[in-house]
PDB file of N, CA and C in Angstrom:
ATOM      1  N   MET A   1     139.504 176.033 125.022  1.00  0.00           N
ATOM      2  CA  MET A   1     140.903 176.260 125.418  1.00  0.00           C
ATOM      3  C   MET A   1     141.986 176.303 123.985  1.00  0.00           C
ATOM      4  N   SER A   2     141.334 176.340 122.714  1.00  0.00           N
ATOM      5  CA  SER A   2     142.036 176.437 121.750  1.00  0.00           C
ATOM      6  C   SER A   2     142.465 178.294 121.474  1.00  0.00           C
ATOM      7  N   GLY A   3     141.368 179.063 122.012  1.00  0.00           N
ATOM      8  CA  GLY A   3     141.682 180.225 121.819  1.00  0.00           C
ATOM      9  C   GLY A   3     142.621 180.904 122.959  1.00  0.00           C
ATOM     10  N   LYS A   4     142.919 180.219 124.201  1.00  0.00           N
ATOM     11  CA  LYS A   4     144.057 180.861 125.064  1.00  0.00           C
ATOM     12  C   LYS A   4     145.365 180.491 124.370  1.00  0.00           C
ATOM     13  N   TYR A   5     145.125 179.793 124.117  1.00  0.00           N
ATOM     14  CA  TYR A   5     147.023 178.936 122.999  1.00  0.00           C
ATOM     15  C   TYR A   5     147.292 179.799 121.446  1.00  0.00           C
ATOM     16  N   ALA A   6     146.387 180.753 121.438  1.00  0.00           N
ATOM     17  CA  ALA A   6     146.731 181.768 119.911  1.00  0.00           C
ATOM     18  C   ALA A   6     147.777 182.568 120.360  1.00  0.00           C
ATOM     19  N   PHE A   7     148.831 182.308 120.133  1.00  0.00           N
ATOM     20  CA  PHE A   7     150.071 182.975 120.845  1.00  0.00           C
ATOM     21  C   PHE A   7     150.386 184.650 119.929  1.00  0.00           C
ATOM     22  N   THR A   8     150.555 185.752 120.716  1.00  0.00           N
ATOM     23  CA  THR A   8     150.348 187.118 120.174  1.00  0.00           C
ATOM     24  C   THR A   8     151.792 187.235 118.832  1.00  0.00           C
ATOM     25  N   LYS A   9     151.408 188.117 117.995  1.00  0.00           N
ATOM     26  CA  LYS A   9     152.634 187.177 116.975  1.00  0.00           C
ATOM     27  C   LYS A   9     153.900 187.795 117.474  1.00  0.00           C
ATOM     28  N   SER A  10     154.118 188.709 118.607  1.00  0.00           N
ATOM     29  CA  SER A  10     155.522 189.058 118.580  1.00  0.00           C
ATOM     30  C   SER A  10     156.316 188.140 119.794  1.00  0.00           C
ATOM     31  N   LEU A  11     155.391 186.858 120.186  1.00  0.00           N
ATOM     32  CA  LEU A  11     156.070 185.752 120.551  1.00  0.00           C
ATOM     33  C   LEU A  11     157.000 184.904 119.592  1.00  0.00           C
ATOM     34  N   LYS A  12     158.429 184.553 119.721  1.00  0.00           N
ATOM     35  CA  LYS A  12     159.495 183.963 119.282  1.00  0.00           C
ATOM     36  C   LYS A  12     159.324 182.627 119.652  1.00  0.00           C
ATOM     37  N   GLU A  13     159.197 182.402 120.812  1.00  0.00           N
ATOM     38  CA  GLU A  13     159.802 180.864 121.648  1.00  0.00           C
ATOM     39  C   GLU A  13     159.338 181.078 123.024  1.00  0.00           C
ATOM     40  N   VAL A  14     158.592 179.486 122.883  1.00  0.00           N
ATOM     41  CA  VAL A  14     158.226 179.745 124.486  1.00  0.00           C
ATOM     42  C   VAL A  14     159.263 178.008 125.124  1.00  0.00           C
ATOM     43  N   ARG A  15     159.736 178.239 126.689  1.00  0.00           N
ATOM     44  CA  ARG A  15     160.865 177.326 127.050  1.00  0.00           C
ATOM     45  C   ARG A  15     159.570 176.476 127.954  1.00  0.00           C
ATOM     46  N   PHE A  16     160.058 175.371 128.248  1.00  0.00           N
ATOM     47  CA  PHE A  16     159.562 174.947 129.721  1.00  0.00           C
ATOM     48  C   PHE A  16     160.461 173.826 130.018  1.00  0.00           C
ATOM     49  N   LEU A  17     161.258 174.289 131.238  1.00  0.00           N
ATOM     50  CA  LEU A  17     162.402 174.004 131.602  1.00  0.00           C
ATOM     51  C   LEU A  17     161.783 173.067 133.538  1.00  0.00           C
ATOM     52  N   PHE A  18     161.918 171.504 133.047  1.00  0.00           N
ATOM     53  CA  PHE A  18     161.314 170.770 134.701  1.00  0.00           C
ATOM     54  C   PHE A  18     161.824 169.560 135.008  1.00  0.00           C
ATOM     55  N   CYS A  19     162.066 169.114 135.540  1.00  0.00           N
ATOM     56  CA  CYS A  19     162.660 167.646 136.423  1.00  0.00           C
ATOM     57  C   CYS A  19     161.518 166.824 135.529  1.00  0.00           C
ATOM     58  N   GLN A  20     162.137 165.936 135.089  1.00  0.00           N
ATOM     59  CA  GLN A  20     161.018 164.385 134.533  1.00  0.00           C
ATOM     60  C   GLN A  20     160.813 163.556 135.758  1.00  0.00           C
ATOM     61  N   THR A  21     160.946 163.397 136.632  1.00  0.00           N
ATOM     62  CA  THR A  21     160.984 162.750 137.966  1.00  0.00           C
ATOM     63  C   THR A  21     160.330 163.508 139.052  1.00  0.00           C
ATOM     64  N   SER A  22     160.920 164.213 139.445  1.00  0.00           N
ATOM     65  CA  SER A  22     160.236 164.846 140.891  1.00  0.00           C
ATOM     66  C   SER A  22     158.931 165.343 141.013  1.00  0.00           C
ATOM     67  N   GLU A  23     158.454 165.368 142.044  1.00  0.00           N
ATOM     68  CA  GLU A  23     157.456 165.747 142.584  1.00  0.00           C
ATOM     69  C   GLU A  23     157.279 167.369 142.101  1.00  0.00           C
ATOM     70  N   HIS A  24     157.829 168.333 142.147  1.00  0.00           N
ATOM     71  CA  HIS A  24     157.647 169.882 141.974  1.00  0.00           C
ATOM     72  C   HIS A  24     157.349 169.912 140.516  1.00  0.00           C
ATOM     73  N   SER A  25     157.884 168.740 139.742  1.00  0.00           N
ATOM     74  CA  SER A  25     157.510 169.370 138.674  1.00  0.00           C
ATOM     75  C   SER A  25     156.635 168.410 137.946  1.00  0.00           C
ATOM     76  N   ALA A  26     155.280 167.849 139.248  1.00  0.00           N
ATOM     77  CA  ALA A  26     154.649 166.903 138.393  1.00  0.00           C
ATOM     78  C   ALA A  26     153.463 167.591 137.628  1.00  0.00           C
ATOM     79  N   ALA A  27     152.884 168.451 138.093  1.00  0.00           N
ATOM     80  CA  ALA A  27     151.907 169.434 137.724  1.00  0.00           C
ATOM     81  C   ALA A  27     152.041 169.635 136.673  1.00  0.00           C
ATOM     82  N   THR A  28     153.514 170.597 136.509  1.00  0.00           N
ATOM     83  CA  THR A  28     154.363 170.871 134.923  1.00  0.00           C
ATOM     84  C   THR A  28     153.991 169.724 134.042  1.00  0.00           C
ATOM     85  N   ARG A  29     154.207 168.483 134.039  1.00  0.00           N
ATOM     86  CA  ARG A  29     154.581 167.461 132.978  1.00  0.00           C
ATOM     87  C   ARG A  29     153.032 167.266 133.041  1.00  0.00           C
ATOM     88  N   SER A  30     152.119 167.248 133.923  1.00  0.00           N
ATOM     89  CA  SER A  30     150.357 167.027 133.895  1.00  0.00           C
ATOM     90  C   SER A  30     150.182 167.912 132.708  1.00  0.00           C
ATOM     91  N   PHE A  31     150.198 169.461 132.868  1.00  0.00           N
ATOM     92  CA  PHE A  31     150.069 170.756 132.244  1.00  0.00           C
ATOM     93  C   PHE A  31     150.296 170.294 130.668  1.00  0.00           C
ATOM     94  N   LEU A  32     151.524 169.960 130.515  1.00  0.00           N
ATOM     95  CA  LEU A  32     151.687 170.071 128.941  1.00  0.00           C
ATOM     96  C   LEU A  32     151.679 168.516 128.360  1.00  0.00           C
ATOM     97  N   THR A  33     151.427 167.455 128.811  1.00  0.00           N
ATOM     98  CA  THR A  33     150.627 166.599 128.643  1.00  0.00           C
ATOM     99  C   THR A  33     149.139 166.931 128.102  1.00  0.00           C
ATOM    100  N   ARG A  34     148.760 167.573 128.789  1.00  0.00           N
ATOM    101  CA  ARG A  34     147.148 167.636 128.391  1.00  0.00           C
ATOM    102  C   ARG A  34     147.345 168.879 127.590  1.00  0.00           C
ATOM    103  N   ALA A  35     148.087 170.260 127.440  1.00  0.00           N
ATOM    104  CA  ALA A  35     148.033 171.422 126.119  1.00  0.00           C
ATOM    105  C   ALA A  35     148.874 171.683 125.329  1.00  0.00           C
ATOM    106  N   TYR A  36     150.422 170.624 125.632  1.00  0.00           N
ATOM    107  CA  TYR A  36     151.112 170.564 124.313  1.00  0.00           C
ATOM    108  C   TYR A  36     150.616 170.535 122.849  1.00  0.00           C
ATOM    109  N   PRO A  37     149.683 169.558 122.599  1.00  0.00           N
ATOM    110  CA  PRO A  37     149.219 169.445 121.275  1.00  0.00           C
ATOM    111  C   PRO A  37     148.365 170.183 120.847  1.00  0.00           C
ATOM    112  N   THR A  38     147.634 171.252 121.670  1.00  0.00           N
ATOM    113  CA  THR A  38     146.899 172.147 121.370  1.00  0.00           C
ATOM    114  C   THR A  38     147.461 173.452 121.304  1.00  0.00           C
ATOM    115  N   MET A  39     148.490 173.634 122.095  1.00  0.00           N
ATOM    116  CA  MET A  39     149.619 174.652 121.647  1.00  0.00           C
ATOM    117  C   MET A  39     150.356 174.819 120.195  1.00  0.00           C
ATOM    118  N   LYS A  40     150.815 173.736 120.184  1.00  0.00           N
ATOM    119  CA  LYS A  40     151.344 173.412 118.853  1.00  0.00           C
ATOM    120  C   LYS A  40     150.530 173.749 117.873  1.00  0.00           C
ATOM    121  N   LYS A  41     149.343 172.973 117.499  1.00  0.00           N
ATOM    122  CA  LYS A  41     148.286 172.755 116.407  1.00  0.00           C
ATOM    123  C   LYS A  41     147.803 174.321 116.012  1.00  0.00           C
ATOM    124  N   ASN A  42     147.522 175.281 117.061  1.00  0.00           N
ATOM    125  CA  ASN A  42     147.369 176.366 116.952  1.00  0.00           C
ATOM    126  C   ASN A  42     148.243 177.684 116.679  1.00  0.00           C
ATOM    127  N   ASN A  43     149.724 177.056 117.071  1.00  0.00           N
ATOM    128  CA  ASN A  43     151.044 177.857 116.680  1.00  0.00           C
ATOM    129  C   ASN A  43     152.144 176.963 116.123  1.00  0.00           C
ATOM    130  N   PRO A  44     151.755 176.387 114.756  1.00  0.00           N
ATOM    131  CA  PRO A  44     152.622 175.376 114.327  1.00  0.00           C
ATOM    132  C   PRO A  44     154.162 176.130 113.835  1.00  0.00           C
ATOM    133  N   HIS A  45     154.220 177.326 113.703  1.00  0.00           N
ATOM    134  CA  HIS A  45     155.541 177.923 113.397  1.00  0.00           C
ATOM    135  C   HIS A  45     156.266 178.484 114.377  1.00  0.00           C
ATOM    136  N   THR A  46     155.583 178.262 115.883  1.00  0.00           N
ATOM    137  CA  THR A  46     156.359 178.708 117.171  1.00  0.00           C
ATOM    138  C   THR A  46     156.944 177.689 117.550  1.00  0.00           C
ATOM    139  N   PRO A  47     158.098 177.866 117.722  1.00  0.00           N
ATOM    140  CA  PRO A  47     158.916 176.720 118.730  1.00  0.00           C
ATOM    141  C   PRO A  47     158.656 176.998 120.488  1.00  0.00           C
ATOM    142  N   ILE A  48     157.926 175.658 120.702  1.00  0.00           N
ATOM    143  CA  ILE A  48     157.899 175.398 121.964  1.00  0.00           C
ATOM    144  C   ILE A  48     158.758 174.191 122.439  1.00  0.00           C
ATOM    145  N   MET A  49     159.422 174.502 123.490  1.00  0.00           N
ATOM    146  CA  MET A  49     161.079 173.474 123.673  1.00  0.00           C
ATOM    147  C   MET A  49     160.495 173.055 125.064  1.00  0.00           C
ATOM    148  N   LEU A  50     160.862 171.744 125.698  1.00  0.00           N
ATOM    149  CA  LEU A  50     160.223 171.233 126.584  1.00  0.00           C
ATOM    150  C   LEU A  50     162.319 170.729 127.048  1.00  0.00           C
ATOM    151  N   ARG A  51     162.377 171.317 128.046  1.00  0.00           N
ATOM    152  CA  ARG A  51     164.000 170.752 128.047  1.00  0.00           C
ATOM    153  C   ARG A  51     163.815 170.366 129.881  1.00  0.00           C
ATOM    154  N   GLU A  52     163.857 168.948 130.021  1.00  0.00           N
ATOM    155  CA  GLU A  52     164.209 167.915 130.876  1.00  0.00           C
ATOM    156  C   GLU A  52     165.724 168.231 131.966  1.00  0.00           C
ATOM    157  N   ALA A  53     165.698 168.399 132.816  1.00  0.00           N
ATOM    158  CA  ALA A  53     166.815 168.123 133.625  1.00  0.00           C
ATOM    159  C   ALA A  53     166.538 167.581 134.988  1.00  0.00           C
ATOM    160  N   MET A  54     167.423 166.892 135.487  1.00  0.00           N
ATOM    161  CA  MET A  54     167.236 166.626 136.594  1.00  0.00           C
ATOM    162  C   MET A  54     167.377 167.515 138.020  1.00  0.00           C
ATOM    163  N   GLY A  55     166.300 167.621 139.046  1.00  0.00           N
ATOM    164  CA  GLY A  55     166.558 168.260 139.636  1.00  0.00           C
ATOM    165  C   GLY A  55     166.154 169.709 139.686  1.00  0.00           C
ATOM    166  N   THR A  56     165.634 170.212 138.314  1.00  0.00           N
ATOM    167  CA  THR A  56     165.166 171.362 137.487  1.00  0.00           C
ATOM    168  C   THR A  56     164.237 172.112 138.628  1.00  0.00           C
ATOM    169  N   GLU A  57     164.427 173.258 138.844  1.00  0.00           N
ATOM    170  CA  GLU A  57     162.781 173.893 139.065  1.00  0.00           C
ATOM    171  C   GLU A  57     161.918 174.229 138.033  1.00  0.00           C
ATOM    172  N   PRO A  58     160.685 173.953 138.117  1.00  0.00           N
ATOM    173  CA  PRO A  58     159.682 174.218 136.760  1.00  0.00           C
ATOM    174  C   PRO A  58     159.359 175.824 136.191  1.00  0.00           C
ATOM    175  N   LYS A  59     160.007 175.912 134.979  1.00  0.00           N
ATOM    176  CA  LYS A  59     159.863 177.387 134.880  1.00  0.00           C
ATOM    177  C   LYS A  59     159.316 177.606 133.645  1.00  0.00           C
ATOM    178  N   VAL A  60     158.847 178.438 133.341  1.00  0.00           N
ATOM    179  CA  VAL A  60     158.310 178.424 131.637  1.00  0.00           C
ATOM    180  C   VAL A  60     158.977 180.117 131.083  1.00  0.00           C
ATOM    181  N   PHE A  61     159.824 180.078 130.014  1.00  0.00           N
ATOM    182  CA  PHE A  61     160.564 181.217 129.345  1.00  0.00           C
ATOM    183  C   PHE A  61     159.512 181.399 128.165  1.00  0.00           C
ATOM    184  N   ALA A  62     159.261 182.650 127.905  1.00  0.00           N
ATOM    185  CA  ALA A  62     158.724 183.276 127.130  1.00  0.00           C
ATOM    186  C   ALA A  62     160.052 184.164 125.894  1.00  0.00           C
ATOM    187  N   ARG A  63     160.008 183.982 124.999  1.00  0.00           N
ATOM    188  CA  ARG A  63     161.343 185.341 123.999  1.00  0.00           C
ATOM    189  C   ARG A  63     160.362 185.900 123.356  1.00  0.00           C
ATOM    190  N   TYR A  64     160.439 187.144 123.202  1.00  0.00           N
ATOM    191  CA  TYR A  64     159.475 187.989 122.113  1.00  0.00           C
ATOM    192  C   TYR A  64     160.601 188.814 120.954  1.00  0.00           C
ATOM    193  N   GLU A  65     159.867 189.663 120.398  1.00  0.00           N
ATOM    194  CA  GLU A  65     160.949 190.582 119.440  1.00  0.00           C
ATOM    195  C   GLU A  65     162.498 191.104 120.065  1.00  0.00           C
ATOM    196  N   TYR A  66     162.957 191.319 119.209  1.00  0.00           N
ATOM    197  CA  TYR A  66     164.214 191.725 119.920  1.00  0.00           C
ATOM    198  C   TYR A  66     164.906 191.297 120.749  1.00  0.00           C
ATOM    199  N   GLY A  67     164.794 190.132 120.775  1.00  0.00           N
ATOM    200  CA  GLY A  67     165.470 189.330 122.367  1.00  0.00           C
ATOM    201  C   GLY A  67     164.763 189.082 123.756  1.00  0.00           C
ATOM    202  N   LYS A  68     163.765 190.227 123.736  1.00  0.00           N
ATOM    203  CA  LYS A  68     163.041 190.043 125.281  1.00  0.00           C
ATOM    204  C   LYS A  68     162.806 189.259 125.421  1.00  0.00           C
ATOM    205  N   GLU A  69     163.220 188.418 126.839  1.00  0.00           N
ATOM    206  CA  GLU A  69     162.148 187.315 127.737  1.00  0.00           C
ATOM    207  C   GLU A  69     161.512 187.383 128.964  1.00  0.00           C
ATOM    208  N   LYS A  70     160.347 187.072 128.952  1.00  0.00           N
ATOM    209  CA  LYS A  70     160.219 186.791 130.194  1.00  0.00           C
ATOM    210  C   LYS A  70     159.981 185.567 131.143  1.00  0.00           C
ATOM    211  N   GLN A  71     160.044 185.294 132.485  1.00  0.00           N
ATOM    212  CA  GLN A  71     160.025 183.885 132.767  1.00  0.00           C
ATOM    213  C   GLN A  71     159.013 184.261 133.762  1.00  0.00           C
ATOM    214  N   GLU A  72     158.567 182.780 134.256  1.00  0.00           N
ATOM    215  CA  GLU A  72     157.695 182.498 135.802  1.00  0.00           C
ATOM    216  C   GLU A  72     157.924 181.147 136.145  1.00  0.00           C
ATOM    217  N   SER A  73     157.937 181.367 137.627  1.00  0.00           N
ATOM    218  CA  SER A  73     158.305 180.274 138.126  1.00  0.00           C
ATOM    219  C   SER A  73     156.933 179.460 138.143  1.00  0.00           C
ATOM    220  N   LEU A  74     157.121 177.870 137.721  1.00  0.00           N
ATOM    221  CA  LEU A  74     155.805 177.188 137.829  1.00  0.00           C
ATOM    222  C   LEU A  74     156.027 176.342 139.414  1.00  0.00           C
ATOM    223  N   SER A  75     156.531 176.415 140.202  1.00  0.00           N
ATOM    224  CA  SER A  75     157.117 175.474 141.414  1.00  0.00           C
ATOM    225  C   SER A  75     155.869 175.875 141.839  1.00  0.00           C
ATOM    226  N   GLY A  76     155.230 174.303 142.238  1.00  0.00           N
ATOM    227  CA  GLY A  76     154.102 174.392 143.571  1.00  0.00           C
ATOM    228  C   GLY A  76     152.611 175.195 142.874  1.00  0.00           C
ATOM    229  N   LEU A  77     152.457 175.222 141.998  1.00  0.00           N
ATOM    230  CA  LEU A  77     151.278 175.224 141.331  1.00  0.00           C
ATOM    231  C   LEU A  77     150.870 174.710 140.396  1.00  0.00           C
ATOM    232  N   SER A  78     149.152 174.493 140.614  1.00  0.00           N
ATOM    233  CA  SER A  78     148.373 173.360 140.003  1.00  0.00           C
ATOM    234  C   SER A  78     148.383 173.498 138.970  1.00  0.00           C
ATOM    235  N   ASP A  79     147.619 172.651 138.209  1.00  0.00           N
ATOM    236  CA  ASP A  79     147.636 172.311 136.438  1.00  0.00           C
ATOM    237  C   ASP A  79     146.934 174.016 135.738  1.00  0.00           C
ATOM    238  N   LYS A  80     145.949 174.205 136.705  1.00  0.00           N
ATOM    239  CA  LYS A  80     145.000 175.315 136.460  1.00  0.00           C
ATOM    240  C   LYS A  80     145.686 176.661 136.730  1.00  0.00           C
ATOM    241  N   GLU A  81     146.738 176.513 137.481  1.00  0.00           N
ATOM    242  CA  GLU A  81     147.319 177.755 137.731  1.00  0.00           C
ATOM    243  C   GLU A  81     148.481 178.131 137.026  1.00  0.00           C
ATOM    244  N   ILE A  82     148.937 177.081 136.161  1.00  0.00           N
ATOM    245  CA  ILE A  82     149.767 176.928 135.520  1.00  0.00           C
ATOM    246  C   ILE A  82     149.695 177.064 134.079  1.00  0.00           C
ATOM    247  N   GLU A  83     148.517 176.790 133.986  1.00  0.00           N
ATOM    248  CA  GLU A  83     147.637 177.517 132.507  1.00  0.00           C
ATOM    249  C   GLU A  83     147.095 178.942 133.017  1.00  0.00           C
ATOM    250  N   ASP A  84     146.990 179.714 133.712  1.00  0.00           N
ATOM    251  CA  ASP A  84     146.954 180.941 134.054  1.00  0.00           C
ATOM    252  C   ASP A  84     147.949 181.551 133.798  1.00  0.00           C
ATOM    253  N   LYS A  85     149.492 181.179 134.468  1.00  0.00           N
ATOM    254  CA  LYS A  85     150.391 181.722 134.027  1.00  0.00           C
ATOM    255  C   LYS A  85     150.973 181.722 132.445  1.00  0.00           C
ATOM    256  N   VAL A  86     150.911 180.561 131.831  1.00  0.00           N
ATOM    257  CA  VAL A  86     151.528 180.680 130.069  1.00  0.00           C
ATOM    258  C   VAL A  86     150.370 180.872 129.557  1.00  0.00           C
ATOM    259  N   THR A  87     148.939 181.065 130.053  1.00  0.00           N
ATOM    260  CA  THR A  87     148.038 181.914 128.869  1.00  0.00           C
ATOM    261  C   THR A  87     148.849 183.561 128.868  1.00  0.00           C
ATOM    262  N   GLY A  88     149.449 184.129 130.320  1.00  0.00           N
ATOM    263  CA  GLY A  88     149.285 185.452 130.123  1.00  0.00           C
ATOM    264  C   GLY A  88     150.567 185.744 129.315  1.00  0.00           C
ATOM    265  N   LEU A  89     151.631 184.930 129.948  1.00  0.00           N
ATOM    266  CA  LEU A  89     153.035 185.083 128.717  1.00  0.00           C
ATOM    267  C   LEU A  89     152.788 185.199 127.167  1.00  0.00           C
ATOM    268  N   VAL A  90     151.784 183.771 126.801  1.00  0.00           N
ATOM    269  CA  VAL A  90     151.688 183.587 125.455  1.00  0.00           C
ATOM    270  C   VAL A  90     150.550 184.910 124.621  1.00  0.00           C
ATOM    271  N   LYS A  91     150.131 185.281 125.353  1.00  0.00           N
ATOM    272  CA  LYS A  91     149.174 186.078 124.874  1.00  0.00           C
ATOM    273  C   LYS A  91     149.449 187.979 125.123  1.00  0.00           C
ATOM    274  N   THR A  92     150.477 188.454 125.653  1.00  0.00           N
ATOM    275  CA  THR A  92     150.855 189.731 125.981  1.00  0.00           C
ATOM    276  C   THR A  92     152.113 189.610 125.814  1.00  0.00           C
ATOM    277  N   GLY A  93     153.107 190.953 125.034  1.00  0.00           N
ATOM    278  CA  GLY A  93     153.742 190.626 124.656  1.00  0.00           C
ATOM    279  C   GLY A  93     154.483 191.623 125.463  1.00  0.00           C
ATOM    280  N   ILE A  94     155.880 192.439 125.008  1.00  0.00           N
ATOM    281  CA  ILE A  94     156.671 192.737 126.547  1.00  0.00           C
ATOM    282  C   ILE A  94     156.285 194.511 126.017  1.00  0.00           C
TER     283      ILE A  94
END
């Protein structure tokens, strides 16, 4: 898993938005509990922000050089599908 989370050099920030209690964010919370320590260990200088807000649909945002951003919805996805979406965002640049 560690190779999956070696971020591209153009990635400047990763943001996860999700609800701390709702069922539709359960897989996102599970993914972050499992994968956050590995992502942070492999990318200690890249900010990985977790934003919890009641009723928020789960999403991930990747910010790259020059302020470019990509986002992916994580609603209704399994832990493995979330991992695939996040890996795609952090490995590829704009």
